[in-house]
């Protein structure tokens, strides 16, 4: 979006890509163009602010997700230790009670 000087006057145009061509679209001139420019600028600033807020939220959620992963790992370790102490073992991912071995002669 820019002003273009034509016949010693400033006109506000936007550029759009249609296929491989870039096409100019007339927006306006004078106070109307200034109002449109201001509105576009405010929208751009609002989008940038929202983008920053989303990035901050994503960072905080990633930190929380890491804490949850750590807690789950600790719980899995505790459960595994308890099951092994109780006489169980893992067989293809399932906990199974160890068989009693027959006495040797």
PDB file of N, CA and C in Angstrom:
ATOM      1  N   UNK A   1       0.848  -1.162   0.000  1.00  0.00           N
ATOM      2  CA  UNK A   1       0.000   0.000   0.000  1.00  0.00           C
ATOM      3  C   UNK A   1       0.897   1.229   0.000  1.00  0.00           C
ATOM      4  N   UNK A   2       0.629   2.097  -0.959  1.00  0.00           N
ATOM      5  CA  UNK A   2       1.475   3.283  -1.059  1.00  0.00           C
ATOM      6  C   UNK A   2       0.758   4.365  -1.850  1.00  0.00           C
ATOM      7  N   UNK A   3       1.277   5.557  -1.657  1.00  0.00           N
ATOM      8  CA  UNK A   3       0.822   6.668  -2.472  1.00  0.00           C
ATOM      9  C   UNK A   3       1.630   6.665  -3.756  1.00  0.00           C
ATOM     10  N   UNK A   4       0.942   6.963  -4.837  1.00  0.00           N
ATOM     11  CA  UNK A   4       1.623   7.096  -6.119  1.00  0.00           C
ATOM     12  C   UNK A   4       1.315   8.483  -6.662  1.00  0.00           C
ATOM     13  N   UNK A   5       2.339   9.102  -7.216  1.00  0.00           N
ATOM     14  CA  UNK A   5       2.165  10.452  -7.759  1.00  0.00           C
ATOM     15  C   UNK A   5       1.823  10.333  -9.234  1.00  0.00           C
ATOM     16  N   UNK A   6       0.646  10.853  -9.576  1.00  0.00           N
ATOM     17  CA  UNK A   6       0.192  10.856 -10.962  1.00  0.00           C
ATOM     18  C   UNK A   6      -0.409  12.230 -11.255  1.00  0.00           C
ATOM     19  N   UNK A   7       0.087  12.856 -12.293  1.00  0.00           N
ATOM     20  CA  UNK A   7      -0.379  14.204 -12.674  1.00  0.00           C
ATOM     21  C   UNK A   7      -0.237  15.185 -11.516  1.00  0.00           C
ATOM     22  N   UNK A   8       0.886  15.110 -10.802  1.00  0.00           N
ATOM     23  CA  UNK A   8       1.192  15.999  -9.668  1.00  0.00           C
ATOM     24  C   UNK A   8       0.191  15.877  -8.523  1.00  0.00           C
ATOM     25  N   UNK A   9      -0.480  14.750  -8.420  1.00  0.00           N
ATOM     26  CA  UNK A   9      -1.381  14.485  -7.292  1.00  0.00           C
ATOM     27  C   UNK A   9      -1.028  13.128  -6.696  1.00  0.00           C
ATOM     28  N   UNK A  10      -1.299  12.979  -5.402  1.00  0.00           N
ATOM     29  CA  UNK A  10      -1.019  11.717  -4.733  1.00  0.00           C
ATOM     30  C   UNK A  10      -2.302  10.886  -4.666  1.00  0.00           C
ATOM     31  N   UNK A  11      -2.188   9.662  -5.102  1.00  0.00           N
ATOM     32  CA  UNK A  11      -3.304   8.721  -5.054  1.00  0.00           C
ATOM     33  C   UNK A  11      -2.846   7.494  -4.269  1.00  0.00           C
ATOM     34  N   UNK A  12      -3.780   6.907  -3.566  1.00  0.00           N
ATOM     35  CA  UNK A  12      -3.447   5.746  -2.748  1.00  0.00           C
ATOM     36  C   UNK A  12      -3.860   4.475  -3.478  1.00  0.00           C
ATOM     37  N   UNK A  13      -2.897   3.597  -3.708  1.00  0.00           N
ATOM     38  CA  UNK A  13      -3.120   2.330  -4.404  1.00  0.00           C
ATOM     39  C   UNK A  13      -2.649   1.175  -3.537  1.00  0.00           C
ATOM     40  N   UNK A  14      -3.276   0.038  -3.712  1.00  0.00           N
ATOM     41  CA  UNK A  14      -2.763  -1.199  -3.132  1.00  0.00           C
ATOM     42  C   UNK A  14      -2.369  -2.103  -4.286  1.00  0.00           C
ATOM     43  N   UNK A  15      -1.479  -3.009  -4.006  1.00  0.00           N
ATOM     44  CA  UNK A  15      -1.028  -3.963  -5.013  1.00  0.00           C
ATOM     45  C   UNK A  15      -1.537  -5.351  -4.639  1.00  0.00           C
ATOM     46  N   UNK A  16      -2.054  -6.062  -5.616  1.00  0.00           N
ATOM     47  CA  UNK A  16      -2.528  -7.428  -5.416  1.00  0.00           C
ATOM     48  C   UNK A  16      -1.938  -8.308  -6.486  1.00  0.00           C
ATOM     49  N   UNK A  17      -1.589  -9.523  -6.089  1.00  0.00           N
ATOM     50  CA  UNK A  17      -1.066 -10.476  -7.057  1.00  0.00           C
ATOM     51  C   UNK A  17      -2.228 -11.328  -7.545  1.00  0.00           C
ATOM     52  N   UNK A  18      -2.396 -11.362  -8.848  1.00  0.00           N
ATOM     53  CA  UNK A  18      -3.407 -12.205  -9.495  1.00  0.00           C
ATOM     54  C   UNK A  18      -2.651 -13.104 -10.453  1.00  0.00           C
ATOM     55  N   UNK A  19      -2.491 -14.356 -10.037  1.00  0.00           N
ATOM     56  CA  UNK A  19      -1.681 -15.271 -10.829  1.00  0.00           C
ATOM     57  C   UNK A  19      -0.235 -14.824 -10.777  1.00  0.00           C
ATOM     58  N   UNK A  20       0.344 -14.547 -11.936  1.00  0.00           N
ATOM     59  CA  UNK A  20       1.735 -14.094 -11.988  1.00  0.00           C
ATOM     60  C   UNK A  20       1.846 -12.577 -12.097  1.00  0.00           C
ATOM     61  N   UNK A  21       0.728 -11.908 -12.275  1.00  0.00           N
ATOM     62  CA  UNK A  21       0.729 -10.461 -12.461  1.00  0.00           C
ATOM     63  C   UNK A  21       0.461  -9.736 -11.152  1.00  0.00           C
ATOM     64  N   UNK A  22       1.025  -8.551 -11.025  1.00  0.00           N
ATOM     65  CA  UNK A  22       0.737  -7.664  -9.907  1.00  0.00           C
ATOM     66  C   UNK A  22      -0.144  -6.548 -10.444  1.00  0.00           C
ATOM     67  N   UNK A  23      -1.308  -6.367  -9.807  1.00  0.00           N
ATOM     68  CA  UNK A  23      -2.295  -5.406 -10.291  1.00  0.00           C
ATOM     69  C   UNK A  23      -2.468  -4.312  -9.238  1.00  0.00           C
ATOM     70  N   UNK A  24      -2.497  -3.056  -9.686  1.00  0.00           N
ATOM     71  CA  UNK A  24      -2.749  -1.928  -8.797  1.00  0.00           C
ATOM     72  C   UNK A  24      -4.246  -1.736  -8.644  1.00  0.00           C
ATOM     73  N   UNK A  25      -4.658  -1.471  -7.402  1.00  0.00           N
ATOM     74  CA  UNK A  25      -6.082  -1.217  -7.141  1.00  0.00           C
ATOM     75  C   UNK A  25      -6.195   0.171  -6.518  1.00  0.00           C
ATOM     76  N   UNK A  26      -6.963   1.024  -7.121  1.00  0.00           N
ATOM     77  CA  UNK A  26      -7.141   2.383  -6.633  1.00  0.00           C
ATOM     78  C   UNK A  26      -8.000   2.368  -5.373  1.00  0.00           C
ATOM     79  N   UNK A  27      -7.516   3.067  -4.340  1.00  0.00           N
ATOM     80  CA  UNK A  27      -8.251   3.148  -3.081  1.00  0.00           C
ATOM     81  C   UNK A  27      -8.876   4.530  -2.910  1.00  0.00           C
ATOM     82  N   UNK A  28      -8.116   5.561  -3.142  1.00  0.00           N
ATOM     83  CA  UNK A  28      -8.657   6.906  -2.989  1.00  0.00           C
ATOM     84  C   UNK A  28      -7.552   7.930  -2.910  1.00  0.00           C
ATOM     85  N   UNK A  29      -7.967   9.190  -2.630  1.00  0.00           N
ATOM     86  CA  UNK A  29      -6.986  10.254  -2.442  1.00  0.00           C
ATOM     87  C   UNK A  29      -7.537  11.236  -1.431  1.00  0.00           C
ATOM     88  N   UNK A  30      -6.671  12.019  -0.863  1.00  0.00           N
ATOM     89  CA  UNK A  30      -7.082  13.039   0.085  1.00  0.00           C
ATOM     90  C   UNK A  30      -7.456  12.456   1.437  1.00  0.00           C
ATOM     91  N   UNK A  31      -8.417  13.082   2.130  1.00  0.00           N
ATOM     92  CA  UNK A  31      -8.791  12.646   3.481  1.00  0.00           C
ATOM     93  C   UNK A  31      -9.354  11.214   3.520  1.00  0.00           C
ATOM     94  N   UNK A  32     -10.052  10.806   2.466  1.00  0.00           N
ATOM     95  CA  UNK A  32     -10.584   9.442   2.440  1.00  0.00           C
ATOM     96  C   UNK A  32      -9.451   8.422   2.459  1.00  0.00           C
ATOM     97  N   UNK A  33      -8.430   8.675   1.659  1.00  0.00           N
ATOM     98  CA  UNK A  33      -7.274   7.773   1.617  1.00  0.00           C
ATOM     99  C   UNK A  33      -6.556   7.767   2.959  1.00  0.00           C
ATOM    100  N   UNK A  34      -6.425   8.935   3.582  1.00  0.00           N
ATOM    101  CA  UNK A  34      -5.774   9.016   4.896  1.00  0.00           C
ATOM    102  C   UNK A  34      -6.535   8.178   5.927  1.00  0.00           C
ATOM    103  N   UNK A  35      -7.865   8.237   5.896  1.00  0.00           N
ATOM    104  CA  UNK A  35      -8.670   7.447   6.831  1.00  0.00           C
ATOM    105  C   UNK A  35      -8.496   5.953   6.577  1.00  0.00           C
ATOM    106  N   UNK A  36      -8.459   5.563   5.324  1.00  0.00           N
ATOM    107  CA  UNK A  36      -8.265   4.152   4.976  1.00  0.00           C
ATOM    108  C   UNK A  36      -6.887   3.681   5.422  1.00  0.00           C
ATOM    109  N   UNK A  37      -5.877   4.513   5.224  1.00  0.00           N
ATOM    110  CA  UNK A  37      -4.517   4.175   5.638  1.00  0.00           C
ATOM    111  C   UNK A  37      -4.460   4.004   7.153  1.00  0.00           C
ATOM    112  N   UNK A  38      -5.090   4.918   7.879  1.00  0.00           N
ATOM    113  CA  UNK A  38      -5.093   4.845   9.341  1.00  0.00           C
ATOM    114  C   UNK A  38      -5.789   3.571   9.818  1.00  0.00           C
ATOM    115  N   UNK A  39      -6.905   3.236   9.200  1.00  0.00           N
ATOM    116  CA  UNK A  39      -7.636   2.029   9.578  1.00  0.00           C
ATOM    117  C   UNK A  39      -6.797   0.774   9.307  1.00  0.00           C
ATOM    118  N   UNK A  40      -6.126   0.732   8.165  1.00  0.00           N
ATOM    119  CA  UNK A  40      -5.276  -0.408   7.826  1.00  0.00           C
ATOM    120  C   UNK A  40      -4.115  -0.517   8.802  1.00  0.00           C
ATOM    121  N   UNK A  41      -3.561   0.619   9.188  1.00  0.00           N
ATOM    122  CA  UNK A  41      -2.449   0.635  10.142  1.00  0.00           C
ATOM    123  C   UNK A  41      -2.906   0.090  11.500  1.00  0.00           C
ATOM    124  N   UNK A  42      -4.089   0.511  11.948  1.00  0.00           N
ATOM    125  CA  UNK A  42      -4.624   0.021  13.226  1.00  0.00           C
ATOM    126  C   UNK A  42      -4.880  -1.483  13.177  1.00  0.00           C
ATOM    127  N   UNK A  43      -5.412  -1.978  12.074  1.00  0.00           N
ATOM    128  CA  UNK A  43      -5.649  -3.413  11.928  1.00  0.00           C
ATOM    129  C   UNK A  43      -4.336  -4.184  11.968  1.00  0.00           C
ATOM    130  N   UNK A  44      -3.320  -3.673  11.293  1.00  0.00           N
ATOM    131  CA  UNK A  44      -2.012  -4.312  11.273  1.00  0.00           C
ATOM    132  C   UNK A  44      -1.421  -4.364  12.687  1.00  0.00           C
ATOM    133  N   UNK A  45      -1.542  -3.253  13.438  1.00  0.00           N
ATOM    134  CA  UNK A  45      -1.037  -3.212  14.810  1.00  0.00           C
ATOM    135  C   UNK A  45      -1.801  -4.191  15.698  1.00  0.00           C
ATOM    136  N   UNK A  46      -3.129  -4.283  15.509  1.00  0.00           N
ATOM    137  CA  UNK A  46      -3.946  -5.203  16.305  1.00  0.00           C
ATOM    138  C   UNK A  46      -3.544  -6.654  16.023  1.00  0.00           C
ATOM    139  N   UNK A  47      -3.308  -6.986  14.740  1.00  0.00           N
ATOM    140  CA  UNK A  47      -2.881  -8.345  14.388  1.00  0.00           C
ATOM    141  C   UNK A  47      -1.516  -8.669  14.996  1.00  0.00           C
ATOM    142  N   UNK A  48      -0.602  -7.700  14.974  1.00  0.00           N
ATOM    143  CA  UNK A  48       0.724  -7.918  15.557  1.00  0.00           C
ATOM    144  C   UNK A  48       0.632  -8.121  17.062  1.00  0.00           C
ATOM    145  N   UNK A  49      -0.234  -7.349  17.721  1.00  0.00           N
ATOM    146  CA  UNK A  49      -0.425  -7.504  19.169  1.00  0.00           C
ATOM    147  C   UNK A  49      -1.003  -8.876  19.483  1.00  0.00           C
ATOM    148  N   UNK A  50      -2.000  -9.307  18.728  1.00  0.00           N
ATOM    149  CA  UNK A  50      -2.589 -10.625  18.936  1.00  0.00           C
ATOM    150  C   UNK A  50      -1.559 -11.722  18.704  1.00  0.00           C
ATOM    151  N   UNK A  51      -0.720 -11.537  17.706  1.00  0.00           N
ATOM    152  CA  UNK A  51       0.316 -12.525  17.406  1.00  0.00           C
ATOM    153  C   UNK A  51       1.299 -12.635  18.561  1.00  0.00           C
ATOM    154  N   UNK A  52       1.709 -11.493  19.130  1.00  0.00           N
ATOM    155  CA  UNK A  52       2.617 -11.516  20.279  1.00  0.00           C
ATOM    156  C   UNK A  52       1.965 -12.182  21.484  1.00  0.00           C
ATOM    157  N   UNK A  53       0.681 -11.881  21.726  1.00  0.00           N
ATOM    158  CA  UNK A  53      -0.036 -12.492  22.854  1.00  0.00           C
ATOM    159  C   UNK A  53      -0.134 -14.004  22.685  1.00  0.00           C
ATOM    160  N   UNK A  54      -0.423 -14.459  21.465  1.00  0.00           N
ATOM    161  CA  UNK A  54      -0.496 -15.895  21.210  1.00  0.00           C
ATOM    162  C   UNK A  54       0.861 -16.567  21.402  1.00  0.00           C
ATOM    163  N   UNK A  55       1.935 -15.885  20.998  1.00  0.00           N
ATOM    164  CA  UNK A  55       3.273 -16.445  21.185  1.00  0.00           C
ATOM    165  C   UNK A  55       3.603 -16.568  22.670  1.00  0.00           C
ATOM    166  N   UNK A  56       3.224 -15.560  23.457  1.00  0.00           N
ATOM    167  CA  UNK A  56       3.449 -15.615  24.911  1.00  0.00           C
ATOM    168  C   UNK A  56       2.647 -16.745  25.536  1.00  0.00           C
ATOM    169  N   UNK A  57       1.403 -16.899  25.116  1.00  0.00           N
ATOM    170  CA  UNK A  57       0.564 -17.982  25.630  1.00  0.00           C
ATOM    171  C   UNK A  57       1.137 -19.338  25.251  1.00  0.00           C
ATOM    172  N   UNK A  58       1.621 -19.469  24.029  1.00  0.00           N
ATOM    173  CA  UNK A  58       2.210 -20.733  23.587  1.00  0.00           C
ATOM    174  C   UNK A  58       3.446 -21.075  24.406  1.00  0.00           C
ATOM    175  N   UNK A  59       4.262 -20.079  24.728  1.00  0.00           N
ATOM    176  CA  UNK A  59       5.444 -20.323  25.557  1.00  0.00           C
ATOM    177  C   UNK A  59       5.052 -20.797  26.951  1.00  0.00           C
ATOM    178  N   UNK A  60       4.048 -20.154  27.553  1.00  0.00           N
ATOM    179  CA  UNK A  60       3.637 -20.549  28.898  1.00  0.00           C
ATOM    180  C   UNK A  60       3.013 -21.946  28.884  1.00  0.00           C
ATOM    181  N   UNK A  61       2.263 -22.266  27.837  1.00  0.00           N
ATOM    182  CA  UNK A  61       1.681 -23.604  27.733  1.00  0.00           C
ATOM    183  C   UNK A  61       2.753 -24.664  27.508  1.00  0.00           C
ATOM    184  N   UNK A  62       3.790 -24.320  26.762  1.00  0.00           N
ATOM    185  CA  UNK A  62       4.888 -25.261  26.544  1.00  0.00           C
ATOM    186  C   UNK A  62       5.604 -25.552  27.857  1.00  0.00           C
ATOM    187  N   UNK A  63       5.802 -24.523  28.680  1.00  0.00           N
ATOM    188  CA  UNK A  63       6.443 -24.718  29.985  1.00  0.00           C
ATOM    189  C   UNK A  63       5.565 -25.591  30.873  1.00  0.00           C
ATOM    190  N   UNK A  64       4.265 -25.355  30.860  1.00  0.00           N
ATOM    191  CA  UNK A  64       3.340 -26.163  31.653  1.00  0.00           C
ATOM    192  C   UNK A  64       3.318 -27.600  31.150  1.00  0.00           C
ATOM    193  N   UNK A  65       3.346 -27.781  29.853  1.00  0.00           N
ATOM    194  CA  UNK A  65       3.369 -29.121  29.269  1.00  0.00           C
ATOM    195  C   UNK A  65       4.625 -29.881  29.700  1.00  0.00           C
ATOM    196  N   UNK A  66       5.753 -29.184  29.766  1.00  0.00           N
ATOM    197  CA  UNK A  66       7.002 -29.807  30.211  1.00  0.00           C
ATOM    198  C   UNK A  66       6.885 -30.250  31.673  1.00  0.00           C
ATOM    199  N   UNK A  67       6.251 -29.434  32.501  1.00  0.00           N
ATOM    200  CA  UNK A  67       6.064 -29.800  33.914  1.00  0.00           C
ATOM    201  C   UNK A  67       5.180 -31.040  34.038  1.00  0.00           C
ATOM    202  N   UNK A  68       4.130 -31.120  33.249  1.00  0.00           N
ATOM    203  CA  UNK A  68       3.236 -32.274  33.277  1.00  0.00           C
ATOM    204  C   UNK A  68       3.984 -33.531  32.824  1.00  0.00           C
ATOM    205  N   UNK A  69       4.799 -33.401  31.774  1.00  0.00           N
ATOM    206  CA  UNK A  69       5.586 -34.541  31.302  1.00  0.00           C
ATOM    207  C   UNK A  69       6.540 -35.034  32.386  1.00  0.00           C
ATOM    208  N   UNK A  70       7.187 -34.119  33.088  1.00  0.00           N
ATOM    209  CA  UNK A  70       8.092 -34.502  34.164  1.00  0.00           C
ATOM    210  C   UNK A  70       7.344 -35.226  35.283  1.00  0.00           C
ATOM    211  N   UNK A  71       6.178 -34.711  35.660  1.00  0.00           N
ATOM    212  CA  UNK A  71       5.382 -35.345  36.719  1.00  0.00           C
ATOM    213  C   UNK A  71       4.940 -36.744  36.290  1.00  0.00           C
ATOM    214  N   UNK A  72       4.518 -36.904  35.040  1.00  0.00           N
ATOM    215  CA  UNK A  72       4.100 -38.219  34.540  1.00  0.00           C
ATOM    216  C   UNK A  72       5.265 -39.198  34.556  1.00  0.00           C
ATOM    217  N   UNK A  73       6.434 -38.740  34.196  1.00  0.00           N
ATOM    218  CA  UNK A  73       7.613 -39.614  34.205  1.00  0.00           C
ATOM    219  C   UNK A  73       7.929 -40.067  35.627  1.00  0.00           C
ATOM    220  N   UNK A  74       7.822 -39.155  36.588  1.00  0.00           N
ATOM    221  CA  UNK A  74       8.078 -39.511  37.984  1.00  0.00           C
ATOM    222  C   UNK A  74       7.057 -40.522  38.488  1.00  0.00           C
ATOM    223  N   UNK A  75       5.793 -40.345  38.139  1.00  0.00           N
ATOM    224  CA  UNK A  75       4.744 -41.284  38.561  1.00  0.00           C
ATOM    225  C   UNK A  75       4.994 -42.651  37.931  1.00  0.00           C
ATOM    226  N   UNK A  76       5.338 -42.689  36.668  1.00  0.00           N
ATOM    227  CA  UNK A  76       5.618 -43.962  36.003  1.00  0.00           C
ATOM    228  C   UNK A  76       6.791 -44.674  36.660  1.00  0.00           C
ATOM    229  N   UNK A  77       7.811 -43.929  37.045  1.00  0.00           N
ATOM    230  CA  UNK A  77       8.964 -44.525  37.718  1.00  0.00           C
ATOM    231  C   UNK A  77       8.555 -45.104  39.063  1.00  0.00           C
ATOM    232  N   UNK A  78       7.758 -44.373  39.832  1.00  0.00           N
ATOM    233  CA  UNK A  78       7.306 -44.857  41.137  1.00  0.00           C
ATOM    234  C   UNK A  78       6.442 -46.111  40.998  1.00  0.00           C
ATOM    235  N   UNK A  79       5.531 -46.118  40.041  1.00  0.00           N
ATOM    236  CA  UNK A  79       4.662 -47.275  39.833  1.00  0.00           C
ATOM    237  C   UNK A  79       5.492 -48.478  39.407  1.00  0.00           C
ATOM    238  N   UNK A  80       6.437 -48.267  38.519  1.00  0.00           N
ATOM    239  CA  UNK A  80       7.289 -49.354  38.054  1.00  0.00           C
ATOM    240  C   UNK A  80       8.079 -49.957  39.212  1.00  0.00           C
ATOM    241  N   UNK A  81       8.680 -49.093  40.039  1.00  0.00           N
ATOM    242  CA  UNK A  81       9.434 -49.593  41.203  1.00  0.00           C
ATOM    243  C   UNK A  81       8.535 -50.373  42.147  1.00  0.00           C
ATOM    244  N   UNK A  82       7.328 -49.866  42.390  1.00  0.00           N
ATOM    245  CA  UNK A  82       6.397 -50.555  43.289  1.00  0.00           C
ATOM    246  C   UNK A  82       6.000 -51.919  42.735  1.00  0.00           C
ATOM    247  N   UNK A  83       5.706 -51.989  41.448  1.00  0.00           N
ATOM    248  CA  UNK A  83       5.281 -53.255  40.843  1.00  0.00           C
ATOM    249  C   UNK A  83       6.410 -54.281  40.874  1.00  0.00           C
ATOM    250  N   UNK A  84       7.635 -53.856  40.610  1.00  0.00           N
ATOM    251  CA  UNK A  84       8.768 -54.780  40.647  1.00  0.00           C
ATOM    252  C   UNK A  84       8.971 -55.304  42.066  1.00  0.00           C
ATOM    253  N   UNK A  85       8.859 -54.423  43.055  1.00  0.00           N
ATOM    254  CA  UNK A  85       8.997 -54.845  44.460  1.00  0.00           C
ATOM    255  C   UNK A  85       7.870 -55.796  44.865  1.00  0.00           C
ATOM    256  N   UNK A  86       6.711 -55.676  44.236  1.00  0.00           N
ATOM    257  CA  UNK A  86       5.564 -56.533  44.566  1.00  0.00           C
ATOM    258  C   UNK A  86       5.606 -57.862  43.830  1.00  0.00           C
ATOM    259  N   UNK A  87       6.642 -58.093  43.028  1.00  0.00           N
ATOM    260  CA  UNK A  87       6.785 -59.376  42.365  1.00  0.00           C
ATOM    261  C   UNK A  87       6.213 -59.423  40.959  1.00  0.00           C
ATOM    262  N   UNK A  88       6.039 -58.313  40.333  1.00  0.00           N
ATOM    263  CA  UNK A  88       5.536 -58.278  38.962  1.00  0.00           C
ATOM    264  C   UNK A  88       6.676 -57.973  37.998  1.00  0.00           C
ATOM    265  N   UNK A  89       6.464 -58.276  36.733  1.00  0.00           N
ATOM    266  CA  UNK A  89       7.418 -57.923  35.692  1.00  0.00           C
ATOM    267  C   UNK A  89       6.632 -57.496  34.453  1.00  0.00           C
ATOM    268  N   UNK A  90       7.342 -56.893  33.527  1.00  0.00           N
ATOM    269  CA  UNK A  90       6.692 -56.448  32.289  1.00  0.00           C
ATOM    270  C   UNK A  90       6.864 -57.513  31.228  1.00  0.00           C
ATOM    271  N   UNK A  91       5.760 -57.826  30.563  1.00  0.00           N
ATOM    272  CA  UNK A  91       5.794 -58.742  29.433  1.00  0.00           C
ATOM    273  C   UNK A  91       5.010 -58.087  28.308  1.00  0.00           C
ATOM    274  N   UNK A  92       5.727 -57.671  27.269  1.00  0.00           N
ATOM    275  CA  UNK A  92       5.124 -56.971  26.136  1.00  0.00           C
ATOM    276  C   UNK A  92       4.296 -55.762  26.585  1.00  0.00           C
ATOM    277  N   UNK A  93       4.830 -55.024  27.539  1.00  0.00           N
ATOM    278  CA  UNK A  93       4.182 -53.795  28.003  1.00  0.00           C
ATOM    279  C   UNK A  93       3.143 -53.997  29.087  1.00  0.00           C
ATOM    280  N   UNK A  94       2.810 -55.248  29.432  1.00  0.00           N
ATOM    281  CA  UNK A  94       1.811 -55.514  30.470  1.00  0.00           C
ATOM    282  C   UNK A  94       2.509 -55.977  31.746  1.00  0.00           C
ATOM    283  N   UNK A  95       1.924 -55.636  32.868  1.00  0.00           N
ATOM    284  CA  UNK A  95       2.448 -56.110  34.143  1.00  0.00           C
ATOM    285  C   UNK A  95       1.884 -57.509  34.407  1.00  0.00           C
ATOM    286  N   UNK A  96       2.777 -58.442  34.727  1.00  0.00           N
ATOM    287  CA  UNK A  96       2.360 -59.811  35.030  1.00  0.00           C
ATOM    288  C   UNK A  96       3.058 -60.272  36.299  1.00  0.00           C
ATOM    289  N   UNK A  97       2.337 -61.069  37.051  1.00  0.00           N
ATOM    290  CA  UNK A  97       2.888 -61.639  38.290  1.00  0.00           C
ATOM    291  C   UNK A  97       3.904 -62.712  37.909  1.00  0.00           C
ATOM    292  N   UNK A  98       5.057 -62.705  38.611  1.00  0.00           N
ATOM    293  CA  UNK A  98       6.070 -63.717  38.331  1.00  0.00           C
ATOM    294  C   UNK A  98       5.567 -65.073  38.826  1.00  0.00           C
ATOM    295  N   UNK A  99       5.869 -66.107  38.076  1.00  0.00           N
ATOM    296  CA  UNK A  99       5.488 -67.460  38.478  1.00  0.00           C
ATOM    297  C   UNK A  99       6.398 -67.941  39.581  1.00  0.00           C
ATOM    298  N   UNK A 100       5.814 -68.813  40.363  1.00  0.00           N
ATOM    299  CA  UNK A 100       6.636 -69.454  41.400  1.00  0.00           C
ATOM    300  C   UNK A 100       7.473 -70.541  40.726  1.00  0.00           C
ATOM    301  N   UNK A 101       8.736 -70.571  40.988  1.00  0.00           N
ATOM    302  CA  UNK A 101       9.607 -71.595  40.432  1.00  0.00           C
ATOM    303  C   UNK A 101       9.494 -72.862  41.296  1.00  0.00           C
ATOM    304  N   UNK A 102       9.379 -74.032  40.644  1.00  0.00           N
ATOM    305  CA  UNK A 102       9.321 -75.274  41.429  1.00  0.00           C
ATOM    306  C   UNK A 102      10.659 -75.461  42.143  1.00  0.00           C
ATOM    307  N   UNK A 103      10.604 -76.055  43.350  1.00  0.00           N
ATOM    308  CA  UNK A 103      11.857 -76.235  44.089  1.00  0.00           C
ATOM    309  C   UNK A 103      12.807 -77.168  43.330  1.00  0.00           C
ATOM    310  N   UNK A 104      14.061 -76.847  43.350  1.00  0.00           N
ATOM    311  CA  UNK A 104      15.056 -77.685  42.680  1.00  0.00           C
ATOM    312  C   UNK A 104      15.524 -78.782  43.609  1.00  0.00           C
ATOM    313  N   UNK A 105      15.838 -79.980  43.086  1.00  0.00           N
ATOM    314  CA  UNK A 105      16.245 -81.111  43.926  1.00  0.00           C
ATOM    315  C   UNK A 105      17.693 -81.228  44.058  1.00  0.00           C
TER     316      UNK A 105
END
